[in-house]
Amino acid sequence: QITVNATVYDEAGNSHAAAPVTVSKDITADVDDDFEIVPAFADRIYGNDEYENHSFSLRGVDTADLDTVIVVLSMEGKEDYELELSSSDLSIPSNIFVTAGMTEGKVSITAKVTDHAGNTKFAQEVNVTIDRTADKDDDFEITPSLIGRPYGSEFLSNGNLFSFNGVDEDAEKIVLTLEQAGKETITTTISGPQPFTVPNDVLSAFGNGEVSIGATVYDKAGNTSDADAITIEIDLSAEVIATHSEFFLILKTKNTTQKNMSKTALALRVSMRTSYRPLLFSHKMECHLPPSLSQSHLPSIKISLSKQG
């Protein structure tokens, strides 16, 4: 406040003092230059359970001579939504994002306050995120590494058992549920950062038979999404595994011992466009294919086993 005093003088030396007047100086529309937008959550992320009934608030508004507050919400691909507030009610509706039709993505919020003196003040723009899903395009899924054939013992020990598709950028963990008849259900959590890697031993507790695998992804906003469960088959019996230019044959039969197995020779005949001579195994059950047989040929290899002697 400023007090103004005035005295008038004439040529005869007379004077007269006017009554003092007090005036107010108002050059700002906010309090202590502190007008700001305050999101409901510190991380500025509104999840599926929050965006419908949580908004934001305004701080530092000088309500003594307030005229109006204009709030504008903007989102790419949407029309701006404008809300005008008066001194009688400065609360932001809790469902403002729903009313504005901004229900997924980044929202920019701006606000301008104007007082009766004509002063204006803009709050610093605030960006918040509406995140209602934990996956991309509702497409979270489990992808097995082997399709159309069972998981054998060698493959189980090599890792890369299965992977995940459609995980959102802000996902923070995936919870796996694995079930097999006659076995205890296993639940394990894979935490970020991404990419989420399946532990190599996650299937180690299971034996031969089908295993059902389910997964739920959780994001930072508290959203969850369930993948459709998949079923894989584990077969720890006899198998042939091809890696580059090597084959490994694991032979398991009843009443077979290391002693009599060492007396047994097996021939592996590779049949392609050209026939190769039989390759003999030792009791270690390992052989190397000819160098001319490249990795690109492996998917079309046909194998026949015959007992020698």
Protein backbone atom coordinates (compact mmCIF):
# COMPACT_ATOMS: atom_id res chain seq x y z
CA GLN A 1 0.00 0.00 0.00
CA ILE A 2 1.06 3.58 -0.73
CA THR A 3 -0.17 6.66 1.21
CA VAL A 4 -0.47 9.88 -0.83
CA ASN A 5 -0.43 13.30 0.91
CA ALA A 6 -1.10 16.61 -0.92
CA THR A 7 -0.99 20.30 0.12
CA VAL A 8 -2.06 23.26 -2.01
CA TYR A 9 -0.43 26.74 -1.77
CA ASP A 10 -1.61 30.10 -3.20
CA GLU A 11 0.29 33.34 -3.99
CA ALA A 12 -0.75 34.88 -0.68
CA GLY A 13 1.01 32.11 1.17
CA ASN A 14 -2.10 30.27 2.20
CA SER A 15 -2.05 26.47 2.23
CA HIS A 16 -4.46 23.66 2.68
CA ALA A 17 -3.71 19.98 3.17
CA ALA A 18 -5.93 17.36 1.63
CA ALA A 19 -6.84 14.24 3.52
CA PRO A 20 -4.27 11.51 2.91
CA VAL A 21 -5.22 8.76 0.48
CA THR A 22 -3.98 5.17 0.59
CA VAL A 23 -3.71 3.25 -2.68
CA SER A 24 -2.63 -0.31 -3.47
CA LYS A 25 0.04 -1.20 -5.97
CA ASP A 26 -0.75 -4.46 -7.79
CA ILE A 27 1.47 -5.52 -10.65
CA THR A 28 1.15 -9.31 -10.32
CA ALA A 29 -1.77 -11.71 -10.61
CA ASP A 30 -0.36 -14.38 -8.29
CA VAL A 31 1.04 -14.67 -4.79
CA ASP A 32 4.82 -14.32 -4.40
CA ASP A 33 5.30 -15.09 -8.10
CA ASP A 34 4.34 -18.68 -7.30
CA PHE A 35 1.50 -19.61 -9.67
CA GLU A 36 1.91 -23.26 -10.70
CA ILE A 37 0.16 -26.46 -11.77
CA VAL A 38 0.53 -29.39 -9.36
CA PRO A 39 -0.16 -32.93 -10.72
CA ALA A 40 -1.88 -35.42 -8.42
CA PHE A 41 1.10 -37.81 -8.62
CA ALA A 42 4.80 -37.03 -8.29
CA ASP A 43 5.72 -39.22 -11.27
CA ARG A 44 3.02 -37.46 -13.34
CA ILE A 45 1.64 -40.80 -14.55
CA TYR A 46 -2.08 -41.53 -14.29
CA GLY A 47 -2.91 -45.24 -14.47
CA ASN A 48 -6.12 -46.95 -15.50
CA ASP A 49 -7.51 -46.74 -11.96
CA GLU A 50 -6.52 -43.09 -11.54
CA TYR A 51 -7.20 -41.03 -14.65
CA GLU A 52 -11.00 -41.11 -14.15
CA ASN A 53 -11.01 -39.60 -10.66
CA HIS A 54 -7.73 -37.71 -10.21
CA SER A 55 -6.76 -34.45 -11.89
CA PHE A 56 -4.40 -31.71 -10.66
CA SER A 57 -4.50 -28.51 -8.63
CA LEU A 58 -3.41 -24.87 -8.89
CA ARG A 59 -1.11 -23.20 -6.38
CA GLY A 60 -0.22 -19.54 -5.79
CA VAL A 61 -3.42 -17.91 -7.10
CA ASP A 62 -4.08 -14.44 -5.66
CA THR A 63 -7.76 -14.86 -4.79
CA ALA A 64 -8.10 -11.37 -3.27
CA ASP A 65 -8.60 -9.68 -6.65
CA LEU A 66 -8.85 -12.70 -8.93
CA ASP A 67 -10.79 -12.30 -12.13
CA THR A 68 -10.39 -15.60 -14.02
CA VAL A 69 -8.16 -18.63 -14.43
CA ILE A 70 -8.03 -20.31 -17.84
CA VAL A 71 -6.78 -23.92 -17.96
CA VAL A 72 -5.99 -25.58 -21.30
CA LEU A 73 -5.35 -29.30 -21.91
CA SER A 74 -3.62 -30.33 -25.14
CA MET A 75 -2.95 -33.75 -26.67
CA GLU A 76 -1.62 -34.64 -30.09
CA GLY A 77 -4.46 -35.55 -32.42
CA LYS A 78 -7.11 -34.02 -30.12
CA GLU A 79 -8.77 -30.62 -29.93
CA ASP A 80 -7.58 -28.46 -27.05
CA TYR A 81 -9.87 -28.50 -24.04
CA GLU A 82 -10.34 -25.17 -22.22
CA LEU A 83 -11.73 -24.68 -18.72
CA GLU A 84 -12.48 -21.27 -17.15
CA LEU A 85 -12.47 -20.93 -13.37
CA SER A 86 -13.60 -18.04 -11.17
CA SER A 87 -12.74 -16.96 -7.64
CA SER A 88 -15.80 -18.77 -6.32
CA ASP A 89 -14.45 -22.20 -7.28
CA LEU A 90 -10.85 -22.92 -8.26
CA SER A 91 -11.09 -26.71 -8.01
CA ILE A 92 -10.24 -28.80 -11.07
CA PRO A 93 -12.88 -31.48 -11.82
CA SER A 94 -11.55 -34.93 -10.93
CA ASN A 95 -12.73 -36.35 -14.27
CA ILE A 96 -11.30 -33.58 -16.44
CA PHE A 97 -9.22 -36.01 -18.55
CA VAL A 98 -12.33 -38.07 -19.35
CA THR A 99 -14.36 -34.94 -20.13
CA ALA A 100 -11.59 -33.70 -22.42
CA GLY A 101 -11.50 -37.06 -24.23
CA MET A 102 -7.83 -37.50 -23.38
CA THR A 103 -7.62 -41.03 -22.06
CA GLU A 104 -4.28 -42.38 -23.32
CA GLY A 105 -0.97 -40.63 -23.99
CA LYS A 106 0.82 -37.40 -23.06
CA VAL A 107 -1.26 -34.39 -21.97
CA SER A 108 0.18 -30.86 -21.82
CA ILE A 109 -1.44 -28.57 -19.23
CA THR A 110 -1.17 -24.78 -19.29
CA ALA A 111 -2.90 -22.15 -17.11
CA LYS A 112 -3.25 -18.36 -17.08
CA VAL A 113 -4.50 -16.26 -14.18
CA THR A 114 -5.89 -12.72 -14.63
CA ASP A 115 -6.73 -10.29 -11.81
CA HIS A 116 -9.05 -7.26 -11.64
CA ALA A 117 -6.12 -4.92 -12.30
CA GLY A 118 -5.57 -6.60 -15.65
CA ASN A 119 -2.37 -8.36 -14.61
CA THR A 120 -1.80 -11.83 -16.03
CA LYS A 121 0.52 -14.69 -15.15
CA PHE A 122 1.16 -17.98 -16.96
CA ALA A 123 2.06 -21.09 -15.01
CA GLN A 124 4.90 -23.22 -16.33
CA GLU A 125 3.57 -25.89 -18.69
CA VAL A 126 3.24 -29.34 -17.11
CA ASN A 127 3.21 -32.63 -19.03
CA VAL A 128 1.48 -35.68 -17.59
CA THR A 129 0.93 -39.15 -19.02
CA ILE A 130 -2.30 -41.12 -19.14
CA ASP A 131 -1.22 -44.76 -19.18
CA ARG A 132 -4.06 -47.26 -18.96
CA THR A 133 -2.33 -50.40 -20.24
CA ALA A 134 0.85 -52.34 -19.45
CA ASP A 135 1.32 -53.66 -22.99
CA LYS A 136 1.49 -52.30 -26.52
CA ASP A 137 -1.72 -52.30 -28.54
CA ASP A 138 -3.24 -54.90 -26.20
CA ASP A 139 -0.73 -57.40 -27.64
CA PHE A 140 1.24 -58.89 -24.73
CA GLU A 141 2.11 -62.51 -25.52
CA ILE A 142 4.50 -65.35 -24.72
CA THR A 143 6.48 -66.77 -27.65
CA PRO A 144 8.04 -70.24 -27.24
CA SER A 145 11.50 -70.76 -28.71
CA LEU A 146 10.54 -74.20 -30.04
CA ILE A 147 7.38 -74.71 -32.06
CA GLY A 148 6.12 -78.11 -33.12
CA ARG A 149 8.59 -80.17 -31.11
CA PRO A 150 9.32 -80.80 -27.42
CA TYR A 151 11.93 -79.19 -25.21
CA GLY A 152 14.76 -81.68 -24.65
CA SER A 153 17.38 -81.74 -21.91
CA GLU A 154 20.11 -80.10 -24.00
CA PHE A 155 17.82 -77.26 -25.06
CA LEU A 156 16.59 -76.71 -21.51
CA SER A 157 20.16 -76.17 -20.32
CA ASN A 158 20.99 -73.67 -23.06
CA GLY A 159 18.47 -71.01 -22.02
CA ASN A 160 16.41 -68.86 -24.40
CA LEU A 161 13.37 -70.94 -23.48
CA PHE A 162 10.72 -68.41 -24.48
CA SER A 163 10.34 -64.65 -24.86
CA PHE A 164 7.76 -61.86 -24.58
CA ASN A 165 6.24 -59.60 -27.21
CA GLY A 166 4.12 -56.47 -26.86
CA VAL A 167 5.64 -55.21 -23.60
CA ASP A 168 5.13 -51.49 -22.93
CA GLU A 169 8.14 -49.20 -22.50
CA ASP A 170 7.33 -48.45 -18.85
CA ALA A 171 6.79 -52.08 -17.80
CA GLU A 172 8.73 -52.85 -14.62
CA LYS A 173 8.16 -56.57 -14.03
CA ILE A 174 6.62 -59.77 -15.40
CA VAL A 175 5.21 -62.47 -13.13
CA LEU A 176 5.33 -66.01 -14.54
CA THR A 177 3.09 -68.88 -13.46
CA LEU A 178 4.19 -72.39 -14.49
CA GLU A 179 2.06 -75.49 -13.95
CA GLN A 180 2.48 -79.21 -14.66
CA ALA A 181 0.24 -82.06 -13.57
CA GLY A 182 1.57 -83.67 -10.41
CA LYS A 183 4.00 -80.82 -9.73
CA GLU A 184 3.77 -77.81 -7.46
CA THR A 185 2.83 -74.59 -9.26
CA ILE A 186 5.80 -72.23 -9.60
CA THR A 187 5.49 -68.43 -9.58
CA THR A 188 8.53 -66.33 -10.39
CA THR A 189 9.05 -62.60 -10.96
CA ILE A 190 11.28 -61.17 -13.68
CA SER A 191 12.17 -57.58 -12.84
CA GLY A 192 13.38 -54.84 -15.17
CA PRO A 193 15.14 -53.12 -16.71
CA GLN A 194 14.07 -54.33 -20.11
CA PRO A 195 14.47 -56.52 -22.04
CA PHE A 196 13.04 -59.11 -19.67
CA THR A 197 15.15 -62.28 -19.73
CA VAL A 198 13.68 -65.64 -18.74
CA PRO A 199 15.92 -67.46 -16.19
CA ASN A 200 17.68 -70.49 -17.67
CA ASP A 201 16.48 -72.75 -14.84
CA VAL A 202 12.83 -71.71 -14.84
CA LEU A 203 11.75 -75.14 -16.16
CA SER A 204 14.25 -77.21 -14.17
CA ALA A 205 11.66 -78.42 -11.64
CA PHE A 206 9.52 -80.11 -14.29
CA GLY A 207 9.77 -83.55 -15.87
CA ASN A 208 8.37 -85.08 -19.03
CA GLY A 209 4.97 -83.80 -20.06
CA GLU A 210 3.12 -80.60 -20.79
CA VAL A 211 3.83 -77.37 -18.91
CA SER A 212 1.38 -74.47 -18.93
CA ILE A 213 3.01 -71.02 -18.83
CA GLY A 214 1.11 -67.85 -17.98
CA ALA A 215 2.43 -64.30 -17.58
CA THR A 216 1.24 -60.95 -16.23
CA VAL A 217 3.09 -57.71 -16.98
CA TYR A 218 3.02 -54.77 -14.55
CA ASP A 219 3.94 -51.19 -15.43
CA LYS A 220 4.95 -48.19 -13.33
CA ALA A 221 1.42 -46.78 -13.39
CA GLY A 222 0.07 -49.89 -11.69
CA ASN A 223 -1.56 -51.31 -14.83
CA THR A 224 -1.48 -55.02 -15.54
CA SER A 225 -2.01 -57.15 -18.63
CA ASP A 226 -2.29 -60.93 -18.88
CA ALA A 227 -0.86 -62.91 -21.78
CA ASP A 228 -2.72 -65.94 -23.07
CA ALA A 229 -1.20 -69.02 -21.48
CA ILE A 230 0.89 -71.26 -23.73
CA THR A 231 1.63 -74.96 -23.37
CA ILE A 232 5.01 -76.51 -24.10
CA GLU A 233 6.07 -80.14 -23.91
CA ILE A 234 9.17 -81.39 -22.13
CA ASP A 235 10.71 -84.66 -23.34
CA LEU A 236 13.90 -85.72 -21.59
CA SER A 237 14.13 -89.07 -23.41
CA ALA A 238 16.17 -89.90 -26.55
CA GLU A 239 16.73 -86.89 -28.74
CA VAL A 240 18.91 -85.52 -31.50
CA ILE A 241 20.04 -81.93 -31.32
CA ALA A 242 21.73 -80.11 -34.19
CA THR A 243 24.00 -77.16 -33.60
CA HIS A 244 26.14 -75.87 -36.45
CA SER A 245 28.14 -78.87 -37.73
CA GLU A 246 27.67 -81.22 -34.77
CA PHE A 247 25.03 -83.72 -33.75
CA PHE A 248 24.64 -85.05 -30.24
CA LEU A 249 22.73 -88.27 -29.72
CA ILE A 250 21.49 -89.08 -26.25
CA LEU A 251 20.45 -92.73 -26.06
CA LYS A 252 18.30 -93.83 -23.15
CA THR A 253 16.80 -97.31 -23.14
CA LYS A 254 15.87 -99.76 -20.43
CA ASN A 255 18.56 -102.22 -19.27
CA THR A 256 21.31 -100.27 -21.05
CA THR A 257 24.55 -99.75 -19.15
CA GLN A 258 27.68 -97.80 -19.96
CA LYS A 259 29.54 -101.12 -20.29
CA ASN A 260 27.42 -102.72 -22.98
CA MET A 261 26.77 -99.35 -24.65
CA SER A 262 30.49 -99.02 -25.30
CA LYS A 263 30.28 -102.20 -27.35
CA THR A 264 27.52 -100.77 -29.50
CA ALA A 265 28.34 -98.74 -32.57
CA LEU A 266 25.71 -96.64 -34.24
CA ALA A 267 25.80 -95.31 -37.75
CA LEU A 268 24.38 -91.95 -38.67
CA ARG A 269 23.49 -91.66 -42.31
CA VAL A 270 22.77 -88.19 -43.58
CA SER A 271 20.43 -88.23 -46.56
CA MET A 272 20.22 -85.09 -48.67
CA ARG A 273 20.72 -84.58 -52.38
CA THR A 274 23.97 -86.46 -52.04
CA SER A 275 24.44 -89.47 -49.78
CA TYR A 276 27.27 -89.38 -47.29
CA ARG A 277 29.00 -92.46 -46.01
CA PRO A 278 27.86 -93.66 -42.56
CA LEU A 279 29.46 -91.88 -39.61
CA LEU A 280 30.32 -94.03 -36.60
CA PHE A 281 29.65 -93.05 -33.00
CA SER A 282 31.74 -94.04 -30.04
CA HIS A 283 30.13 -94.72 -26.68
CA LYS A 284 30.39 -90.96 -26.01
CA MET A 285 27.65 -90.57 -28.59
CA GLU A 286 29.30 -87.70 -30.43
CA CYS A 287 30.36 -87.21 -34.04
CA HIS A 288 31.27 -84.40 -36.41
CA LEU A 289 29.62 -84.02 -39.79
CA PRO A 290 31.67 -83.38 -42.94
CA PRO A 291 32.77 -79.71 -43.34
CA SER A 292 30.85 -79.53 -46.62
CA LEU A 293 27.62 -79.85 -44.66
CA SER A 294 26.91 -76.22 -43.80
CA GLN A 295 24.58 -74.89 -41.14
CA SER A 296 22.13 -73.80 -43.83
CA HIS A 297 21.52 -77.47 -44.68
CA LEU A 298 20.61 -78.54 -41.18
CA PRO A 299 16.85 -77.95 -41.33
CA SER A 300 16.54 -80.47 -44.18
CA ILE A 301 18.72 -83.24 -42.75
CA LYS A 302 17.17 -86.69 -42.51
CA ILE A 303 18.64 -89.06 -39.95
CA SER A 304 18.49 -92.84 -39.87
CA LEU A 305 20.04 -95.03 -37.18
CA SER A 306 21.20 -98.59 -37.65
CA LYS A 307 22.98 -101.01 -35.35
CA GLN A 308 26.39 -102.22 -36.50
CA GLY A 309 27.33 -105.80 -35.54
